[in-house]
Amino acid sequence: MTLDNSPCQELDNPPCTEPLSPPALGSNSIAGADLADLSRQSRQTLFNPQLEYTVYGPGTQPTGFVALAEEWNKLLARSRFDTLFLSHEWQTTWWQQLGEGDLWIIAFRQPESGRLVGIAPLYRLLHESGMWAGSYVLHLVGCTEVSDYLDLIIEKGREEAVYESLCHWLHSADAPGWDVLDLCNLPEASLSYQTLPTIVRGAGHRVDVIQEDVAPYIPLPARYDDYLGERVEKKQRHEIRRKQRRAEREAVVGFYLVGEEHDLQREMDDFISLQQMSRPDKEEFMTPEMQRFFRYAARRMADAGHLRLAFLTLNGVKAATYFSFEYKGHLLLYNSGYDTGDFAHLSPGWVLLAYLIQHAIVDGLKVFDFLQGDEEYKYRFGSQDIKVMRTVIYNLSNTPQLPQEAG
């Protein structure tokens, strides 16, 4: 969400945007006559499945999450983009708290060794309204809200084999009926918006590839002074220091991260209170359902060692908070809140952000990730962008069920 220059404006990370309108029919497809021919033959034969795959559908016991629990994060560590949002802990948290529709998890293995090289964590949802009303859409688990990076989980170097095998399954009798495959929040490193579209277009599918957002981040040096000197412009460097000094001059400043010695439930009460206080739109976002998700996610991430819930106190009163995660050398800034009352003039959010960056550097972290959104303040703190992409694949064999073109 965009911030203005007011000292009481603070940080936020917006959810994934709504899908864009599909392109004109045929803009990314083969000629109409050839398409008709393709629709009369089995599309499944157009793909070369090099891998064996196991399908964990909605009636499968154990579920894919249970069956793959021991291998999930090990595969993620071998992928092109290892992120918290694809970890077993996060994916199961999201599904349990926010998931709806039918869960479909497909595991891809090397035929000769049985080695797990790919996981497609999907769910199928019948859209009742919007652009895809009446269509069955296969989404990535975690899409569309509150998971900033998503993808198919694939061992680096095995992407094309997994894509071919996934497409083979999608056109098999084992797959559920679907009209759209929506892969949202793909990081710039992903091949799911580079290689996969070429494969499916070859079978006559219509494909949308769009840049959905950006995710600003700061490469962290070894020293805080180096960060200020190398990453932050002179004017902004002066402003950060000025706000820190003012807060320290006019109040007794405290900074801490919630740990085992704290009551996480009470700390989350205070986080939610400050988050809702920040702005009307943030209060609207934090529905009872979203509160349950944040509380459950906090406990799961704390148990896994990833939660970094930070507070700034002024004269002993909590004035700002950041709900963040630490994952493999990255600090992921996820959500925030701040006091809009007596302490707003001391810019508590900015002060806490500066302390949090400093703490990340002292801890030896390599990246400070602001996650999705191009809000101005992120660049004032010296960030640079990576792209966040989206691939939308339309099942042309089910064209009558697709939404009509705009205009």
Protein backbone atom coordinates (compact mmCIF):
# COMPACT_ATOMS: atom_id res chain seq x y z
CA MET A 1 0.00 0.00 0.00
CA THR A 2 1.29 3.44 -0.92
CA LEU A 3 2.52 5.70 1.84
CA ASP A 4 2.72 9.44 1.90
CA ASN A 5 5.39 11.52 3.65
CA SER A 6 3.45 11.88 6.89
CA PRO A 7 5.44 10.65 9.89
CA CYS A 8 2.47 8.59 11.04
CA GLN A 9 2.23 6.58 7.81
CA GLU A 10 3.71 3.10 8.17
CA LEU A 11 4.30 -0.14 6.33
CA ASP A 12 2.09 -2.78 4.79
CA ASN A 13 2.21 -5.58 2.25
CA PRO A 14 -0.83 -5.84 -0.06
CA PRO A 15 -2.28 -9.16 -1.15
CA CYS A 16 -1.85 -10.52 -4.64
CA THR A 17 -3.75 -8.56 -7.28
CA GLU A 18 -6.82 -9.88 -9.04
CA PRO A 19 -6.12 -11.67 -12.33
CA LEU A 20 -6.08 -9.52 -15.45
CA SER A 21 -8.57 -10.01 -18.27
CA PRO A 22 -7.56 -12.82 -20.64
CA PRO A 23 -6.08 -11.85 -24.01
CA ALA A 24 -8.07 -12.12 -27.22
CA LEU A 25 -8.70 -15.73 -28.21
CA GLY A 26 -5.95 -16.94 -30.45
CA SER A 27 -3.35 -14.30 -29.53
CA ASN A 28 -1.12 -16.96 -28.01
CA SER A 29 -2.49 -20.05 -29.75
CA ILE A 30 -2.00 -21.97 -32.96
CA ALA A 31 -4.13 -21.39 -36.03
CA GLY A 32 -7.85 -22.05 -35.75
CA ALA A 33 -7.90 -25.06 -38.12
CA ASP A 34 -4.99 -26.70 -36.31
CA LEU A 35 -6.67 -26.00 -32.98
CA ALA A 36 -9.79 -27.78 -34.17
CA ASP A 37 -7.68 -30.76 -35.16
CA LEU A 38 -5.98 -30.75 -31.76
CA SER A 39 -9.33 -30.66 -29.97
CA ARG A 40 -10.25 -33.91 -31.70
CA GLN A 41 -7.21 -35.81 -30.55
CA SER A 42 -5.92 -36.61 -27.13
CA ARG A 43 -3.84 -33.70 -25.90
CA GLN A 44 -2.27 -36.05 -23.43
CA THR A 45 -0.22 -37.65 -26.20
CA LEU A 46 1.39 -34.27 -27.00
CA PHE A 47 3.36 -34.37 -23.77
CA ASN A 48 6.27 -36.64 -22.97
CA PRO A 49 6.07 -37.72 -19.31
CA GLN A 50 9.64 -38.52 -18.30
CA LEU A 51 8.67 -38.91 -14.66
CA GLU A 52 6.38 -41.10 -12.61
CA TYR A 53 3.74 -39.22 -10.71
CA THR A 54 1.48 -39.92 -7.76
CA VAL A 55 -1.78 -38.01 -7.42
CA TYR A 56 -3.09 -37.11 -3.96
CA GLY A 57 -6.63 -35.99 -4.65
CA PRO A 58 -9.38 -34.82 -2.28
CA GLY A 59 -10.31 -38.38 -1.30
CA THR A 60 -6.76 -39.69 -0.86
CA GLN A 61 -5.55 -40.87 2.52
CA PRO A 62 -3.02 -39.97 3.65
CA THR A 63 -3.15 -36.55 2.03
CA GLY A 64 -0.25 -35.26 -0.03
CA PHE A 65 0.77 -33.00 2.82
CA VAL A 66 1.06 -36.00 5.15
CA ALA A 67 2.58 -38.43 2.65
CA LEU A 68 5.27 -35.98 1.50
CA ALA A 69 5.99 -34.33 4.86
CA GLU A 70 9.48 -35.81 5.29
CA GLU A 71 10.58 -35.01 1.73
CA TRP A 72 8.85 -31.66 1.16
CA ASN A 73 11.38 -29.19 2.59
CA LYS A 74 14.33 -31.26 1.37
CA LEU A 75 13.05 -30.89 -2.19
CA LEU A 76 12.42 -27.19 -1.63
CA ALA A 77 16.06 -26.76 -0.59
CA ARG A 78 17.09 -28.19 -3.98
CA SER A 79 14.80 -25.86 -5.93
CA ARG A 80 15.64 -22.73 -7.89
CA PHE A 81 13.93 -20.43 -5.35
CA ASP A 82 13.73 -21.69 -1.76
CA THR A 83 11.21 -19.56 0.12
CA LEU A 84 9.32 -19.82 3.38
CA PHE A 85 6.00 -19.54 1.53
CA LEU A 86 6.58 -22.89 -0.16
CA SER A 87 7.73 -24.66 3.00
CA HIS A 88 5.65 -27.51 4.38
CA GLU A 89 4.91 -25.46 7.50
CA TRP A 90 3.55 -22.47 5.58
CA GLN A 91 1.67 -24.44 2.94
CA THR A 92 -0.16 -26.57 5.51
CA THR A 93 -0.90 -23.49 7.63
CA TRP A 94 -2.42 -21.66 4.69
CA TRP A 95 -4.48 -24.62 3.59
CA GLN A 96 -5.80 -25.36 7.06
CA GLN A 97 -6.76 -21.75 7.78
CA LEU A 98 -7.66 -20.24 4.40
CA GLY A 99 -7.95 -23.09 1.92
CA GLU A 100 -11.18 -23.96 0.13
CA GLY A 101 -12.20 -26.21 -2.71
CA ASP A 102 -10.49 -29.52 -3.53
CA LEU A 103 -6.85 -30.18 -2.67
CA TRP A 104 -4.77 -31.81 -5.43
CA ILE A 105 -1.09 -32.51 -4.75
CA ILE A 106 0.93 -34.26 -7.44
CA ALA A 107 4.36 -35.74 -6.65
CA PHE A 108 6.85 -36.36 -9.47
CA ARG A 109 9.64 -38.93 -9.13
CA GLN A 110 12.54 -40.30 -11.12
CA PRO A 111 11.40 -43.69 -12.50
CA GLU A 112 14.68 -45.50 -11.84
CA SER A 113 15.42 -44.22 -8.33
CA GLY A 114 12.11 -42.99 -6.93
CA ARG A 115 13.80 -39.67 -6.09
CA LEU A 116 11.28 -36.87 -5.54
CA VAL A 117 11.99 -34.07 -8.04
CA GLY A 118 8.73 -32.13 -8.14
CA ILE A 119 5.58 -31.23 -6.22
CA ALA A 120 2.57 -29.42 -7.66
CA PRO A 121 0.54 -28.19 -4.66
CA LEU A 122 -2.80 -27.22 -6.21
CA TYR A 123 -6.40 -26.74 -5.24
CA ARG A 124 -9.44 -26.59 -7.52
CA LEU A 125 -12.12 -24.00 -6.92
CA LEU A 126 -15.35 -23.27 -8.77
CA HIS A 127 -15.49 -19.48 -9.06
CA GLU A 128 -18.96 -18.15 -8.34
CA SER A 129 -18.30 -14.55 -9.38
CA GLY A 130 -15.76 -12.32 -11.08
CA MET A 131 -13.98 -12.76 -14.37
CA TRP A 132 -13.87 -16.55 -14.03
CA ALA A 133 -17.45 -17.03 -12.82
CA GLY A 134 -18.62 -20.54 -13.60
CA SER A 135 -15.09 -21.80 -14.28
CA TYR A 136 -13.08 -24.43 -12.44
CA VAL A 137 -9.70 -22.90 -11.62
CA LEU A 138 -6.63 -24.77 -10.40
CA HIS A 139 -4.66 -22.46 -8.09
CA LEU A 140 -1.36 -22.89 -6.30
CA VAL A 141 -1.84 -23.51 -2.59
CA GLY A 142 -1.33 -20.08 -1.03
CA CYS A 143 -2.83 -18.11 -3.92
CA THR A 144 -4.23 -15.53 -4.04
CA GLU A 145 -3.72 -13.88 -0.65
CA VAL A 146 -0.98 -13.59 1.98
CA SER A 147 1.72 -15.71 0.30
CA ASP A 148 4.15 -13.38 -1.46
CA TYR A 149 6.14 -16.00 -3.41
CA LEU A 150 4.68 -19.22 -4.84
CA ASP A 151 5.54 -21.76 -7.50
CA LEU A 152 5.63 -25.42 -8.34
CA ILE A 153 8.34 -26.98 -6.18
CA ILE A 154 10.93 -28.48 -8.53
CA GLU A 155 14.52 -29.64 -8.18
CA LYS A 156 16.72 -27.23 -10.11
CA GLY A 157 17.45 -28.59 -13.56
CA ARG A 158 14.37 -30.85 -13.63
CA GLU A 159 11.83 -28.14 -14.46
CA GLU A 160 11.10 -29.16 -18.06
CA ALA A 161 10.60 -32.81 -17.11
CA VAL A 162 8.16 -31.82 -14.35
CA TYR A 163 6.27 -29.41 -16.63
CA GLU A 164 5.86 -32.09 -19.31
CA SER A 165 4.67 -34.63 -16.75
CA LEU A 166 2.31 -32.13 -15.12
CA CYS A 167 0.74 -31.33 -18.49
CA HIS A 168 0.40 -35.04 -19.20
CA TRP A 169 -1.53 -35.43 -15.93
CA LEU A 170 -3.68 -32.35 -16.58
CA HIS A 171 -4.98 -33.98 -19.76
CA SER A 172 -5.41 -37.45 -18.28
CA ALA A 173 -8.51 -39.13 -16.91
CA ASP A 174 -6.95 -38.87 -13.44
CA ALA A 175 -7.17 -35.06 -13.43
CA PRO A 176 -10.31 -33.19 -12.41
CA GLY A 177 -12.10 -31.01 -14.94
CA TRP A 178 -10.48 -27.58 -15.17
CA ASP A 179 -10.82 -24.42 -17.21
CA VAL A 180 -7.91 -22.33 -15.93
CA LEU A 181 -4.54 -23.06 -14.31
CA ASP A 182 -3.50 -19.98 -12.33
CA LEU A 183 0.10 -19.80 -11.13
CA CYS A 184 0.34 -16.56 -9.17
CA ASN A 185 3.16 -14.84 -7.26
CA LEU A 186 5.99 -16.44 -9.24
CA PRO A 187 9.42 -15.05 -8.28
CA GLU A 188 11.68 -13.71 -11.00
CA ALA A 189 13.89 -16.81 -10.79
CA SER A 190 11.00 -19.13 -11.65
CA LEU A 191 10.84 -20.96 -14.97
CA SER A 192 7.07 -21.34 -14.63
CA TYR A 193 6.59 -18.10 -16.57
CA GLN A 194 9.49 -18.72 -18.96
CA THR A 195 9.64 -22.40 -19.95
CA LEU A 196 6.17 -23.70 -19.06
CA PRO A 197 4.24 -21.32 -21.38
CA THR A 198 6.24 -22.54 -24.39
CA ILE A 199 5.38 -26.16 -23.57
CA VAL A 200 1.63 -25.58 -23.19
CA ARG A 201 1.36 -23.25 -26.18
CA GLY A 202 2.74 -26.06 -28.28
CA ALA A 203 -0.43 -27.99 -27.41
CA GLY A 204 -2.65 -25.10 -28.47
CA HIS A 205 -3.37 -23.57 -25.09
CA ARG A 206 -3.93 -19.88 -24.63
CA VAL A 207 -1.48 -18.47 -22.06
CA ASP A 208 -1.25 -15.17 -20.18
CA VAL A 209 2.13 -14.18 -18.77
CA ILE A 210 2.07 -10.90 -16.84
CA GLN A 211 4.22 -9.05 -14.37
CA GLU A 212 2.06 -9.00 -11.31
CA ASP A 213 4.13 -6.86 -8.94
CA VAL A 214 7.62 -6.20 -7.66
CA ALA A 215 9.25 -7.26 -4.41
CA PRO A 216 11.86 -4.76 -3.18
CA TYR A 217 14.77 -6.12 -1.15
CA ILE A 218 18.05 -4.94 0.37
CA PRO A 219 21.28 -6.95 0.01
CA LEU A 220 22.78 -6.60 3.47
CA PRO A 221 26.47 -5.84 4.01
CA ALA A 222 28.45 -6.88 7.08
CA ARG A 223 28.10 -3.54 8.91
CA TYR A 224 25.19 -1.16 9.51
CA ASP A 225 27.30 1.89 8.69
CA ASP A 226 28.19 0.28 5.36
CA TYR A 227 24.50 -0.27 4.67
CA LEU A 228 23.69 3.39 5.33
CA GLY A 229 26.65 4.60 3.34
CA GLU A 230 26.29 2.28 0.35
CA ARG A 231 22.56 1.61 0.01
CA VAL A 232 20.82 4.77 1.24
CA GLU A 233 20.93 8.18 -0.42
CA LYS A 234 22.49 10.97 1.64
CA LYS A 235 19.23 12.82 2.27
CA GLN A 236 17.41 9.68 3.37
CA ARG A 237 20.38 8.54 5.46
CA HIS A 238 20.17 11.83 7.33
CA GLU A 239 16.39 11.43 7.75
CA ILE A 240 16.68 7.93 9.20
CA ARG A 241 19.28 9.02 11.71
CA ARG A 242 17.34 12.19 12.57
CA LYS A 243 14.20 10.22 13.38
CA GLN A 244 16.12 7.73 15.50
CA ARG A 245 17.85 10.49 17.46
CA ARG A 246 14.60 12.37 18.00
CA ALA A 247 12.82 9.30 19.36
CA GLU A 248 15.78 8.52 21.64
CA ARG A 249 15.89 12.12 22.81
CA GLU A 250 12.19 12.56 23.56
CA ALA A 251 11.37 9.12 24.96
CA VAL A 252 12.87 6.05 26.56
CA VAL A 253 13.23 3.72 23.58
CA GLY A 254 13.08 -0.05 23.77
CA PHE A 255 13.36 -2.71 21.06
CA TYR A 256 12.79 -6.44 21.41
CA LEU A 257 11.93 -9.58 19.49
CA VAL A 258 9.34 -11.95 20.93
CA GLY A 259 10.99 -15.10 22.24
CA GLU A 260 10.27 -18.16 24.34
CA GLU A 261 10.21 -16.01 27.46
CA HIS A 262 7.18 -14.10 26.16
CA ASP A 263 3.49 -15.03 26.02
CA LEU A 264 2.97 -15.27 22.28
CA GLN A 265 -0.81 -15.03 22.59
CA ARG A 266 -0.58 -11.70 24.42
CA GLU A 267 2.08 -10.40 22.07
CA MET A 268 -0.18 -11.23 19.13
CA ASP A 269 -3.02 -9.38 20.84
CA ASP A 270 -0.81 -6.29 20.88
CA PHE A 271 0.33 -6.81 17.29
CA ILE A 272 -3.25 -7.05 16.05
CA SER A 273 -4.29 -4.01 18.08
CA LEU A 274 -1.47 -1.87 16.62
CA GLN A 275 -2.09 -3.24 13.13
CA GLN A 276 -5.77 -2.34 13.27
CA MET A 277 -4.99 1.08 14.73
CA SER A 278 -2.69 2.01 11.86
CA ARG A 279 -5.21 2.77 9.14
CA PRO A 280 -8.85 1.99 8.29
CA ASP A 281 -7.87 -0.26 5.39
CA LYS A 282 -5.60 -2.31 7.64
CA GLU A 283 -8.39 -2.69 10.18
CA GLU A 284 -10.66 -3.87 7.37
CA PHE A 285 -8.03 -6.40 6.26
CA MET A 286 -7.69 -7.89 9.74
CA THR A 287 -11.01 -9.74 9.77
CA PRO A 288 -11.72 -12.40 12.40
CA GLU A 289 -10.73 -15.01 9.81
CA MET A 290 -7.44 -13.22 9.12
CA GLN A 291 -6.78 -12.83 12.85
CA ARG A 292 -7.10 -16.60 13.25
CA PHE A 293 -4.70 -17.10 10.37
CA PHE A 294 -2.09 -14.71 11.83
CA ARG A 295 -2.32 -16.29 15.29
CA TYR A 296 -2.00 -19.81 13.91
CA ALA A 297 0.81 -18.80 11.54
CA ALA A 298 2.66 -17.10 14.40
CA ARG A 299 2.59 -20.28 16.48
CA ARG A 300 3.61 -22.53 13.58
CA MET A 301 6.42 -20.21 12.49
CA ALA A 302 7.61 -19.75 16.09
CA ASP A 303 7.74 -23.52 16.58
CA ALA A 304 9.74 -23.82 13.34
CA GLY A 305 12.13 -21.06 14.48
CA HIS A 306 11.12 -18.57 11.76
CA LEU A 307 8.96 -15.99 13.57
CA ARG A 308 10.48 -12.55 14.15
CA LEU A 309 7.81 -10.46 15.87
CA ALA A 310 9.40 -7.13 16.80
CA PHE A 311 8.16 -4.28 19.00
CA LEU A 312 9.33 -0.73 19.62
CA THR A 313 8.43 0.69 23.01
CA LEU A 314 8.40 4.38 23.88
CA ASN A 315 8.31 5.17 27.59
CA GLY A 316 7.37 1.54 28.17
CA VAL A 317 4.39 1.61 25.79
CA LYS A 318 4.31 -0.44 22.60
CA ALA A 319 4.33 2.06 19.75
CA ALA A 320 5.16 0.00 16.64
CA THR A 321 5.44 -3.63 15.56
CA TYR A 322 6.64 -5.72 12.64
CA PHE A 323 5.48 -9.26 11.96
CA SER A 324 8.40 -10.81 10.09
CA PHE A 325 10.05 -14.14 9.36
CA GLU A 326 13.66 -15.24 9.20
CA TYR A 327 14.35 -17.93 6.64
CA LYS A 328 17.77 -19.11 5.45
CA GLY A 329 19.53 -15.78 5.72
CA HIS A 330 16.54 -13.67 4.65
CA LEU A 331 14.42 -11.41 6.85
CA LEU A 332 10.91 -11.25 5.34
CA LEU A 333 8.96 -8.15 6.41
CA TYR A 334 5.38 -9.40 6.34
CA ASN A 335 3.08 -6.97 8.15
CA SER A 336 3.12 -4.05 10.57
CA GLY A 337 1.27 -1.81 12.97
CA TYR A 338 1.88 1.43 14.80
CA ASP A 339 0.38 3.79 17.36
CA THR A 340 -1.48 6.67 15.73
CA GLY A 341 -1.91 8.53 19.03
CA ASP A 342 0.59 10.21 21.33
CA PHE A 343 3.69 8.75 19.65
CA ALA A 344 2.84 9.29 15.98
CA HIS A 345 5.03 12.42 15.77
CA LEU A 346 8.07 10.27 16.65
CA SER A 347 7.65 8.09 13.53
CA PRO A 348 7.78 4.82 15.49
CA GLY A 349 7.45 2.64 12.39
CA TRP A 350 10.47 4.20 10.70
CA VAL A 351 12.51 3.98 13.88
CA LEU A 352 11.60 0.33 14.39
CA LEU A 353 12.42 -0.46 10.76
CA ALA A 354 15.89 1.04 11.15
CA TYR A 355 16.46 -1.03 14.31
CA LEU A 356 15.20 -4.17 12.56
CA ILE A 357 17.58 -3.71 9.63
CA GLN A 358 20.43 -3.10 12.05
CA HIS A 359 19.52 -6.22 14.01
CA ALA A 360 19.39 -8.30 10.80
CA ILE A 361 22.90 -7.14 9.89
CA VAL A 362 24.25 -7.94 13.36
CA ASP A 363 22.64 -11.39 13.07
CA GLY A 364 24.56 -11.97 9.84
CA LEU A 365 21.53 -12.08 7.53
CA LYS A 366 22.15 -11.51 3.83
CA VAL A 367 18.83 -10.12 2.55
CA PHE A 368 16.16 -7.84 3.97
CA ASP A 369 13.04 -8.60 1.90
CA PHE A 370 10.14 -6.13 1.90
CA LEU A 371 8.02 -8.60 -0.10
CA GLN A 372 5.41 -7.46 -2.59
CA GLY A 373 4.56 -3.82 -3.23
CA ASP A 374 6.38 -0.78 -4.62
CA GLU A 375 5.67 1.63 -1.75
CA GLU A 376 8.01 4.60 -1.73
CA TYR A 377 9.41 4.07 1.75
CA LYS A 378 11.01 0.78 0.68
CA TYR A 379 13.24 2.60 -1.80
CA ARG A 380 14.09 5.27 0.74
CA PHE A 381 15.67 2.49 2.77
CA GLY A 382 17.77 1.45 -0.23
CA SER A 383 15.92 -1.47 -1.76
CA GLN A 384 15.98 -2.81 -5.30
CA ASP A 385 13.34 -4.85 -7.13
CA ILE A 386 12.79 -8.38 -8.26
CA LYS A 387 9.79 -9.09 -10.47
CA VAL A 388 6.77 -11.08 -9.34
CA MET A 389 5.12 -12.83 -12.28
CA ARG A 390 1.94 -14.74 -13.08
CA THR A 391 1.18 -17.47 -15.60
CA VAL A 392 -2.45 -18.21 -16.49
CA ILE A 393 -3.18 -21.19 -18.75
CA TYR A 394 -6.60 -21.66 -20.36
CA ASN A 395 -7.86 -25.15 -21.13
CA LEU A 396 -9.11 -24.64 -24.67
CA SER A 397 -10.86 -27.98 -24.77
CA ASN A 398 -13.28 -26.36 -22.30
CA THR A 399 -13.52 -23.01 -24.11
CA PRO A 400 -17.34 -22.67 -23.78
CA GLN A 401 -16.95 -22.45 -20.00
CA LEU A 402 -14.40 -19.62 -20.13
CA PRO A 403 -15.39 -15.99 -19.49
CA GLN A 404 -16.21 -13.83 -22.48
CA GLU A 405 -13.64 -11.38 -23.76
CA ALA A 406 -13.94 -7.80 -22.59
CA GLY A 407 -15.19 -5.34 -25.19
